[in-house]
C-alpha atoms as a PDB file:
ATOM      1  CA  UNK A   1       5.519  -4.139 -13.538  1.00  0.00           C
ATOM      2  CA  UNK A   2       9.158  -3.156 -13.292  1.00  0.00           C
ATOM      3  CA  UNK A   3       9.559   0.566 -12.884  1.00  0.00           C
ATOM      4  CA  UNK A   4       5.887   1.246 -12.207  1.00  0.00           C
ATOM      5  CA  UNK A   5       4.555   1.552  -8.655  1.00  0.00           C
ATOM      6  CA  UNK A   6       1.695  -0.770  -7.832  1.00  0.00           C
ATOM      7  CA  UNK A   7      -1.776   0.729  -7.573  1.00  0.00           C
ATOM      8  CA  UNK A   8      -5.005  -0.550  -6.050  1.00  0.00           C
ATOM      9  CA  UNK A   9      -6.179  -2.039  -9.354  1.00  0.00           C
ATOM     10  CA  UNK A  10      -3.158  -4.374  -9.361  1.00  0.00           C
ATOM     11  CA  UNK A  11      -4.037  -6.109  -6.092  1.00  0.00           C
ATOM     12  CA  UNK A  12      -7.782  -5.635  -5.501  1.00  0.00           C
ATOM     13  CA  UNK A  13     -10.386  -8.370  -5.702  1.00  0.00           C
ATOM     14  CA  UNK A  14     -12.488  -7.792  -8.818  1.00  0.00           C
ATOM     15  CA  UNK A  15     -15.326 -10.239  -8.166  1.00  0.00           C
ATOM     16  CA  UNK A  16     -16.960  -9.177  -4.899  1.00  0.00           C
ATOM     17  CA  UNK A  17     -20.147  -9.380  -2.902  1.00  0.00           C
ATOM     18  CA  UNK A  18     -22.386  -6.318  -3.212  1.00  0.00           C
ATOM     19  CA  UNK A  19     -25.751  -5.708  -1.572  1.00  0.00           C
ATOM     20  CA  UNK A  20     -28.881  -3.855  -2.616  1.00  0.00           C
ATOM     21  CA  UNK A  21     -30.539  -1.434  -0.224  1.00  0.00           C
ATOM     22  CA  UNK A  22     -33.544  -3.704   0.212  1.00  0.00           C
ATOM     23  CA  UNK A  23     -31.613  -6.905   0.998  1.00  0.00           C
ATOM     24  CA  UNK A  24     -33.195  -8.429   4.173  1.00  0.00           C
ATOM     25  CA  UNK A  25     -31.117  -8.730   7.342  1.00  0.00           C
ATOM     26  CA  UNK A  26     -30.901 -12.543   7.288  1.00  0.00           C
ATOM     27  CA  UNK A  27     -29.962 -12.580   3.604  1.00  0.00           C
ATOM     28  CA  UNK A  28     -27.140 -10.125   4.347  1.00  0.00           C
ATOM     29  CA  UNK A  29     -25.807 -12.383   7.105  1.00  0.00           C
ATOM     30  CA  UNK A  30     -26.036 -15.488   4.905  1.00  0.00           C
ATOM     31  CA  UNK A  31     -24.310 -13.775   1.972  1.00  0.00           C
ATOM     32  CA  UNK A  32     -21.422 -12.468   4.084  1.00  0.00           C
ATOM     33  CA  UNK A  33     -20.884 -15.899   5.613  1.00  0.00           C
ATOM     34  CA  UNK A  34     -21.031 -17.582   2.216  1.00  0.00           C
ATOM     35  CA  UNK A  35     -18.497 -15.150   0.735  1.00  0.00           C
ATOM     36  CA  UNK A  36     -16.434 -15.182   3.944  1.00  0.00           C
ATOM     37  CA  UNK A  37     -16.165 -11.394   4.141  1.00  0.00           C
ATOM     38  CA  UNK A  38     -16.494  -9.050   7.105  1.00  0.00           C
ATOM     39  CA  UNK A  39     -18.101  -6.193   5.153  1.00  0.00           C
ATOM     40  CA  UNK A  40     -19.862  -5.553   1.861  1.00  0.00           C
ATOM     41  CA  UNK A  41     -20.718  -2.409  -0.143  1.00  0.00           C
ATOM     42  CA  UNK A  42     -24.336  -1.402  -0.652  1.00  0.00           C
ATOM     43  CA  UNK A  43     -25.324  -0.192  -4.133  1.00  0.00           C
ATOM     44  CA  UNK A  44     -28.130   1.987  -5.446  1.00  0.00           C
ATOM     45  CA  UNK A  45     -30.088   1.048  -8.543  1.00  0.00           C
ATOM     46  CA  UNK A  46     -27.395   2.537 -10.805  1.00  0.00           C
ATOM     47  CA  UNK A  47     -24.576   0.474  -9.261  1.00  0.00           C
ATOM     48  CA  UNK A  48     -23.073   3.314  -7.242  1.00  0.00           C
ATOM     49  CA  UNK A  49     -21.728   2.650  -3.757  1.00  0.00           C
ATOM     50  CA  UNK A  50     -23.916   4.391  -1.171  1.00  0.00           C
ATOM     51  CA  UNK A  51     -22.761   2.680   2.030  1.00  0.00           C
ATOM     52  CA  UNK A  52     -21.118  -0.347   3.612  1.00  0.00           C
ATOM     53  CA  UNK A  53     -22.556  -3.039   5.873  1.00  0.00           C
ATOM     54  CA  UNK A  54     -20.002  -4.567   8.227  1.00  0.00           C
ATOM     55  CA  UNK A  55     -20.135  -7.268  10.878  1.00  0.00           C
ATOM     56  CA  UNK A  56     -20.147  -4.457  13.448  1.00  0.00           C
ATOM     57  CA  UNK A  57     -23.367  -3.107  11.919  1.00  0.00           C
ATOM     58  CA  UNK A  58     -24.951  -6.549  12.097  1.00  0.00           C
ATOM     59  CA  UNK A  59     -23.848  -7.151  15.679  1.00  0.00           C
ATOM     60  CA  UNK A  60     -25.611  -4.031  16.937  1.00  0.00           C
ATOM     61  CA  UNK A  61     -28.880  -5.944  16.747  1.00  0.00           C
ATOM     62  CA  UNK A  62     -27.440  -8.724  18.935  1.00  0.00           C
ATOM     63  CA  UNK A  63     -25.983  -6.205  21.380  1.00  0.00           C
ATOM     64  CA  UNK A  64     -29.351  -4.508  21.704  1.00  0.00           C
ATOM     65  CA  UNK A  65     -30.858  -7.644  23.162  1.00  0.00           C
ATOM     66  CA  UNK A  66     -28.801  -7.080  26.318  1.00  0.00           C
ATOM     67  CA  UNK A  67     -29.189  -3.308  26.289  1.00  0.00           C
ATOM     68  CA  UNK A  68     -32.092  -0.891  26.300  1.00  0.00           C
ATOM     69  CA  UNK A  69     -34.854  -2.631  24.277  1.00  0.00           C
ATOM     70  CA  UNK A  70     -36.282   0.704  23.161  1.00  0.00           C
ATOM     71  CA  UNK A  71     -33.678   2.813  21.331  1.00  0.00           C
ATOM     72  CA  UNK A  72     -34.624   6.412  20.725  1.00  0.00           C
ATOM     73  CA  UNK A  73     -35.522   7.310  17.113  1.00  0.00           C
ATOM     74  CA  UNK A  74     -32.756   9.220  15.348  1.00  0.00           C
ATOM     75  CA  UNK A  75     -29.987   7.799  17.560  1.00  0.00           C
ATOM     76  CA  UNK A  76     -27.308   5.270  16.616  1.00  0.00           C
ATOM     77  CA  UNK A  77     -29.496   2.766  18.378  1.00  0.00           C
ATOM     78  CA  UNK A  78     -32.038   2.855  15.551  1.00  0.00           C
ATOM     79  CA  UNK A  79     -29.757   0.458  13.669  1.00  0.00           C
ATOM     80  CA  UNK A  80     -30.730  -2.190  16.190  1.00  0.00           C
ATOM     81  CA  UNK A  81     -34.198  -2.214  14.625  1.00  0.00           C
ATOM     82  CA  UNK A  82     -32.893  -2.268  11.024  1.00  0.00           C
ATOM     83  CA  UNK A  83     -34.232  -5.011   8.794  1.00  0.00           C
ATOM     84  CA  UNK A  84     -32.564  -4.179   5.436  1.00  0.00           C
ATOM     85  CA  UNK A  85     -29.064  -3.440   4.177  1.00  0.00           C
ATOM     86  CA  UNK A  86     -30.066   0.166   3.503  1.00  0.00           C
ATOM     87  CA  UNK A  87     -31.037   0.612   7.152  1.00  0.00           C
ATOM     88  CA  UNK A  88     -27.990  -1.239   8.464  1.00  0.00           C
ATOM     89  CA  UNK A  89     -25.306   0.380   6.350  1.00  0.00           C
ATOM     90  CA  UNK A  90     -22.768   2.942   7.486  1.00  0.00           C
ATOM     91  CA  UNK A  91     -22.757   6.109   5.386  1.00  0.00           C
ATOM     92  CA  UNK A  92     -21.011   7.691   3.657  1.00  0.00           C
ATOM     93  CA  UNK A  93     -18.940   4.806   2.363  1.00  0.00           C
ATOM     94  CA  UNK A  94     -15.157   5.193   2.598  1.00  0.00           C
ATOM     95  CA  UNK A  95     -13.874   4.342  -0.887  1.00  0.00           C
ATOM     96  CA  UNK A  96     -10.737   4.445  -2.990  1.00  0.00           C
ATOM     97  CA  UNK A  97     -10.062   4.734  -6.734  1.00  0.00           C
ATOM     98  CA  UNK A  98      -8.423   1.957  -8.807  1.00  0.00           C
ATOM     99  CA  UNK A  99      -5.460   4.203  -9.717  1.00  0.00           C
ATOM    100  CA  UNK A 100      -4.671   5.119  -6.101  1.00  0.00           C
ATOM    101  CA  UNK A 101      -1.171   4.093  -4.908  1.00  0.00           C
ATOM    102  CA  UNK A 102      -1.121   1.339  -2.301  1.00  0.00           C
ATOM    103  CA  UNK A 103       0.234   3.615   0.474  1.00  0.00           C
ATOM    104  CA  UNK A 104      -2.745   5.923  -0.049  1.00  0.00           C
ATOM    105  CA  UNK A 105      -5.159   3.011   0.376  1.00  0.00           C
ATOM    106  CA  UNK A 106      -3.309   1.863   3.503  1.00  0.00           C
ATOM    107  CA  UNK A 107      -3.477   5.356   5.022  1.00  0.00           C
ATOM    108  CA  UNK A 108      -7.199   5.588   4.264  1.00  0.00           C
ATOM    109  CA  UNK A 109      -7.840   2.267   6.002  1.00  0.00           C
ATOM    110  CA  UNK A 110      -5.820   3.297   9.046  1.00  0.00           C
ATOM    111  CA  UNK A 111      -7.425   6.739   9.272  1.00  0.00           C
ATOM    112  CA  UNK A 112     -10.970   5.350   9.187  1.00  0.00           C
ATOM    113  CA  UNK A 113     -10.282   2.117  11.095  1.00  0.00           C
ATOM    114  CA  UNK A 114     -11.582  -0.201   8.376  1.00  0.00           C
ATOM    115  CA  UNK A 115     -10.218  -3.479   7.022  1.00  0.00           C
ATOM    116  CA  UNK A 116     -11.401  -3.162   3.416  1.00  0.00           C
ATOM    117  CA  UNK A 117     -12.383  -0.451   0.964  1.00  0.00           C
ATOM    118  CA  UNK A 118     -14.815  -0.515  -1.955  1.00  0.00           C
ATOM    119  CA  UNK A 119     -12.986   0.500  -5.134  1.00  0.00           C
ATOM    120  CA  UNK A 120     -14.998   2.907  -7.277  1.00  0.00           C
ATOM    121  CA  UNK A 121     -14.406   4.658 -10.586  1.00  0.00           C
ATOM    122  CA  UNK A 122     -14.874   8.359 -11.306  1.00  0.00           C
ATOM    123  CA  UNK A 123     -18.658   7.850 -11.526  1.00  0.00           C
ATOM    124  CA  UNK A 124     -18.855   6.090  -8.160  1.00  0.00           C
ATOM    125  CA  UNK A 125     -19.515   2.691  -9.743  1.00  0.00           C
ATOM    126  CA  UNK A 126     -18.168  -0.363  -7.916  1.00  0.00           C
ATOM    127  CA  UNK A 127     -15.105  -1.926  -9.543  1.00  0.00           C
ATOM    128  CA  UNK A 128     -13.877  -4.182  -6.752  1.00  0.00           C
ATOM    129  CA  UNK A 129     -12.770  -4.304  -3.122  1.00  0.00           C
ATOM    130  CA  UNK A 130      -9.284  -3.953  -1.655  1.00  0.00           C
ATOM    131  CA  UNK A 131      -8.458  -5.424   1.753  1.00  0.00           C
ATOM    132  CA  UNK A 132      -5.511  -5.279   4.134  1.00  0.00           C
ATOM    133  CA  UNK A 133      -4.473  -8.711   2.882  1.00  0.00           C
ATOM    134  CA  UNK A 134      -4.510  -7.428  -0.706  1.00  0.00           C
ATOM    135  CA  UNK A 135      -2.160  -4.569   0.216  1.00  0.00           C
ATOM    136  CA  UNK A 136       0.309  -7.072   1.651  1.00  0.00           C
ATOM    137  CA  UNK A 137       0.511  -8.955  -1.672  1.00  0.00           C
ATOM    138  CA  UNK A 138       3.185  -6.530  -2.845  1.00  0.00           C
ATOM    139  CA  UNK A 139       5.592  -8.057  -0.326  1.00  0.00           C
ATOM    140  CA  UNK A 140       5.316 -11.390  -2.138  1.00  0.00           C
ATOM    141  CA  UNK A 141       7.207  -9.852  -5.048  1.00  0.00           C
ATOM    142  CA  UNK A 142      10.203 -11.876  -6.231  1.00  0.00           C
ATOM    143  CA  UNK A 143      13.585 -10.715  -4.904  1.00  0.00           C
ATOM    144  CA  UNK A 144      15.189 -10.706  -8.345  1.00  0.00           C
ATOM    145  CA  UNK A 145      12.327  -8.634  -9.751  1.00  0.00           C
ATOM    146  CA  UNK A 146      12.967  -6.039  -7.039  1.00  0.00           C
ATOM    147  CA  UNK A 147      16.716  -6.090  -7.723  1.00  0.00           C
ATOM    148  CA  UNK A 148      16.229  -5.632 -11.473  1.00  0.00           C
ATOM    149  CA  UNK A 149      14.003  -2.605 -10.936  1.00  0.00           C
ATOM    150  CA  UNK A 150      16.620  -0.979  -8.693  1.00  0.00           C
ATOM    151  CA  UNK A 151      19.450  -1.734 -11.136  1.00  0.00           C
ATOM    152  CA  UNK A 152      17.469  -0.481 -14.115  1.00  0.00           C
ATOM    153  CA  UNK A 153      15.499   2.486 -12.759  1.00  0.00           C
ATOM    154  CA  UNK A 154      17.462   3.892  -9.826  1.00  0.00           C
ATOM    155  CA  UNK A 155      21.186   3.180 -10.012  1.00  0.00           C
ATOM    156  CA  UNK A 156      21.791   4.555 -13.556  1.00  0.00           C
ATOM    157  CA  UNK A 157      19.907   7.770 -12.786  1.00  0.00           C
ATOM    158  CA  UNK A 158      21.665   8.565  -9.526  1.00  0.00           C
ATOM    159  CA  UNK A 159      25.125   7.153 -10.205  1.00  0.00           C
ATOM    160  CA  UNK A 160      25.747   7.166 -13.969  1.00  0.00           C
ATOM    161  CA  UNK A 161      29.475   7.871 -13.580  1.00  0.00           C
ATOM    162  CA  UNK A 162      30.426   5.396 -10.867  1.00  0.00           C
ATOM    163  CA  UNK A 163      34.000   4.158 -11.187  1.00  0.00           C
ATOM    164  CA  UNK A 164      32.771   0.716 -10.215  1.00  0.00           C
ATOM    165  CA  UNK A 165      29.282  -0.756 -10.542  1.00  0.00           C
ATOM    166  CA  UNK A 166      26.867  -0.364  -7.642  1.00  0.00           C
ATOM    167  CA  UNK A 167      26.006  -3.844  -6.446  1.00  0.00           C
ATOM    168  CA  UNK A 168      22.396  -4.631  -5.596  1.00  0.00           C
ATOM    169  CA  UNK A 169      21.436  -7.747  -3.659  1.00  0.00           C
ATOM    170  CA  UNK A 170      17.961  -8.587  -2.393  1.00  0.00           C
ATOM    171  CA  UNK A 171      17.103 -11.335   0.046  1.00  0.00           C
ATOM    172  CA  UNK A 172      13.616 -11.741   1.540  1.00  0.00           C
ATOM    173  CA  UNK A 173      12.823  -8.178   0.493  1.00  0.00           C
ATOM    174  CA  UNK A 174      15.866  -6.693   2.255  1.00  0.00           C
ATOM    175  CA  UNK A 175      18.009  -4.726  -0.207  1.00  0.00           C
ATOM    176  CA  UNK A 176      21.777  -4.407   0.223  1.00  0.00           C
ATOM    177  CA  UNK A 177      23.563  -1.679  -1.746  1.00  0.00           C
ATOM    178  CA  UNK A 178      27.347  -1.739  -1.946  1.00  0.00           C
ATOM    179  CA  UNK A 179      30.155  -0.202  -3.977  1.00  0.00           C
ATOM    180  CA  UNK A 180      31.747   3.213  -4.412  1.00  0.00           C
ATOM    181  CA  UNK A 181      29.925   6.236  -5.798  1.00  0.00           C
ATOM    182  CA  UNK A 182      31.325   9.609  -6.906  1.00  0.00           C
ATOM    183  CA  UNK A 183      28.943  11.710  -4.790  1.00  0.00           C
ATOM    184  CA  UNK A 184      28.037  10.503  -1.301  1.00  0.00           C
ATOM    185  CA  UNK A 185      25.474  13.312  -0.981  1.00  0.00           C
ATOM    186  CA  UNK A 186      23.199  11.184  -3.179  1.00  0.00           C
ATOM    187  CA  UNK A 187      23.403   8.124  -0.920  1.00  0.00           C
ATOM    188  CA  UNK A 188      20.443   9.170   1.307  1.00  0.00           C
ATOM    189  CA  UNK A 189      18.455   9.871  -1.855  1.00  0.00           C
ATOM    190  CA  UNK A 190      19.241   6.384  -3.151  1.00  0.00           C
ATOM    191  CA  UNK A 191      18.139   4.813   0.125  1.00  0.00           C
ATOM    192  CA  UNK A 192      14.873   6.740   0.013  1.00  0.00           C
ATOM    193  CA  UNK A 193      14.145   5.765  -3.575  1.00  0.00           C
ATOM    194  CA  UNK A 194      14.975   2.104  -2.938  1.00  0.00           C
ATOM    195  CA  UNK A 195      12.824   2.059   0.186  1.00  0.00           C
ATOM    196  CA  UNK A 196       9.905   3.237  -1.955  1.00  0.00           C
ATOM    197  CA  UNK A 197      10.184   0.331  -4.409  1.00  0.00           C
ATOM    198  CA  UNK A 198       7.246  -2.060  -4.153  1.00  0.00           C
ATOM    199  CA  UNK A 199       8.117  -5.127  -2.107  1.00  0.00           C
ATOM    200  CA  UNK A 200      11.125  -3.669  -0.296  1.00  0.00           C
ATOM    201  CA  UNK A 201      11.115  -4.514   3.409  1.00  0.00           C
ATOM    202  CA  UNK A 202      14.304  -2.701   4.439  1.00  0.00           C
ATOM    203  CA  UNK A 203      17.495  -1.211   2.986  1.00  0.00           C
ATOM    204  CA  UNK A 204      21.036  -1.995   4.141  1.00  0.00           C
ATOM    205  CA  UNK A 205      23.318   0.620   2.599  1.00  0.00           C
ATOM    206  CA  UNK A 206      27.065   0.047   2.355  1.00  0.00           C
ATOM    207  CA  UNK A 207      27.776   2.625  -0.361  1.00  0.00           C
ATOM    208  CA  UNK A 208      31.006   4.578   0.046  1.00  0.00           C
ATOM    209  CA  UNK A 209      32.653   7.490  -1.695  1.00  0.00           C
ATOM    210  CA  UNK A 210      35.722   7.285  -3.955  1.00  0.00           C
ATOM    211  CA  UNK A 211      38.985   6.208  -2.316  1.00  0.00           C
ATOM    212  CA  UNK A 212      40.908   9.144  -0.881  1.00  0.00           C
ATOM    213  CA  UNK A 213      44.321   9.931  -2.281  1.00  0.00           C
ATOM    214  CA  UNK A 214      47.020  10.245   0.374  1.00  0.00           C
ATOM    215  CA  UNK A 215      48.011  13.781   1.332  1.00  0.00           C
ATOM    216  CA  UNK A 216      51.503  14.432  -0.023  1.00  0.00           C
ATOM    217  CA  UNK A 217      54.068  16.524   1.840  1.00  0.00           C
ATOM    218  CA  UNK A 218      54.175  19.860  -0.062  1.00  0.00           C
ATOM    219  CA  UNK A 219      57.963  20.070   0.541  1.00  0.00           C
ATOM    220  CA  UNK A 220      58.569  16.892  -1.434  1.00  0.00           C
ATOM    221  CA  UNK A 221      59.005  17.155  -5.202  1.00  0.00           C
ATOM    222  CA  UNK A 222      56.357  15.841  -7.540  1.00  0.00           C
ATOM    223  CA  UNK A 223      57.761  12.433  -8.485  1.00  0.00           C
ATOM    224  CA  UNK A 224      56.390  12.719 -11.987  1.00  0.00           C
ATOM    225  CA  UNK A 225      58.460  15.845 -12.679  1.00  0.00           C
ATOM    226  CA  UNK A 226      61.427  15.335 -10.350  1.00  0.00           C
ATOM    227  CA  UNK A 227      64.778  14.883 -12.038  1.00  0.00           C
ATOM    228  CA  UNK A 228      67.479  12.611 -10.692  1.00  0.00           C
ATOM    229  CA  UNK A 229      70.312  14.456  -8.973  1.00  0.00           C
END
């Protein structure tokens, strides 16, 4: 995928556990344990995501045993009496589209405090699930693959007229840029672009401008045009 930023579809899990509204409480628990997941989307009859059941939703029933045994109707406590996925689920479901960039998915997770997101298409149909662990897969990208993308897609565009080639080295995701470039004003731009490449952990920039010519004394003759006495 050189030159193309990763999107959710590249890292998400395509085969996932999904629940129907009428799934009984115990079946939900058994299914989540069998699939080893902490949450699962709930679908309507057309396959659209209408909510999510998480371990937190399931644990409310256990917590209620030590709390007030008679939750008021209409309160959050009514979930403690839920017996189906439709009654347990949290709505509306927080979702993401397959074409969403990975940073967008990460921000959505952080903003809503969730560990995984159902992935839905434009019609709201379930296409997969993306988790925090999935988002971290990008950092498993091969160092040489990262280096080739930088050499091919960034360096020629920013520094096409460099007197010497810009050297790119990547080790454990840390990129080192070195060499001389004609315009140092573009160095911060280069660092920003490189930092945005999938799999880059950090950027160590050692780019410098062209070597300075020594200032000549204006009273001395130009040696190229000076004539011998």
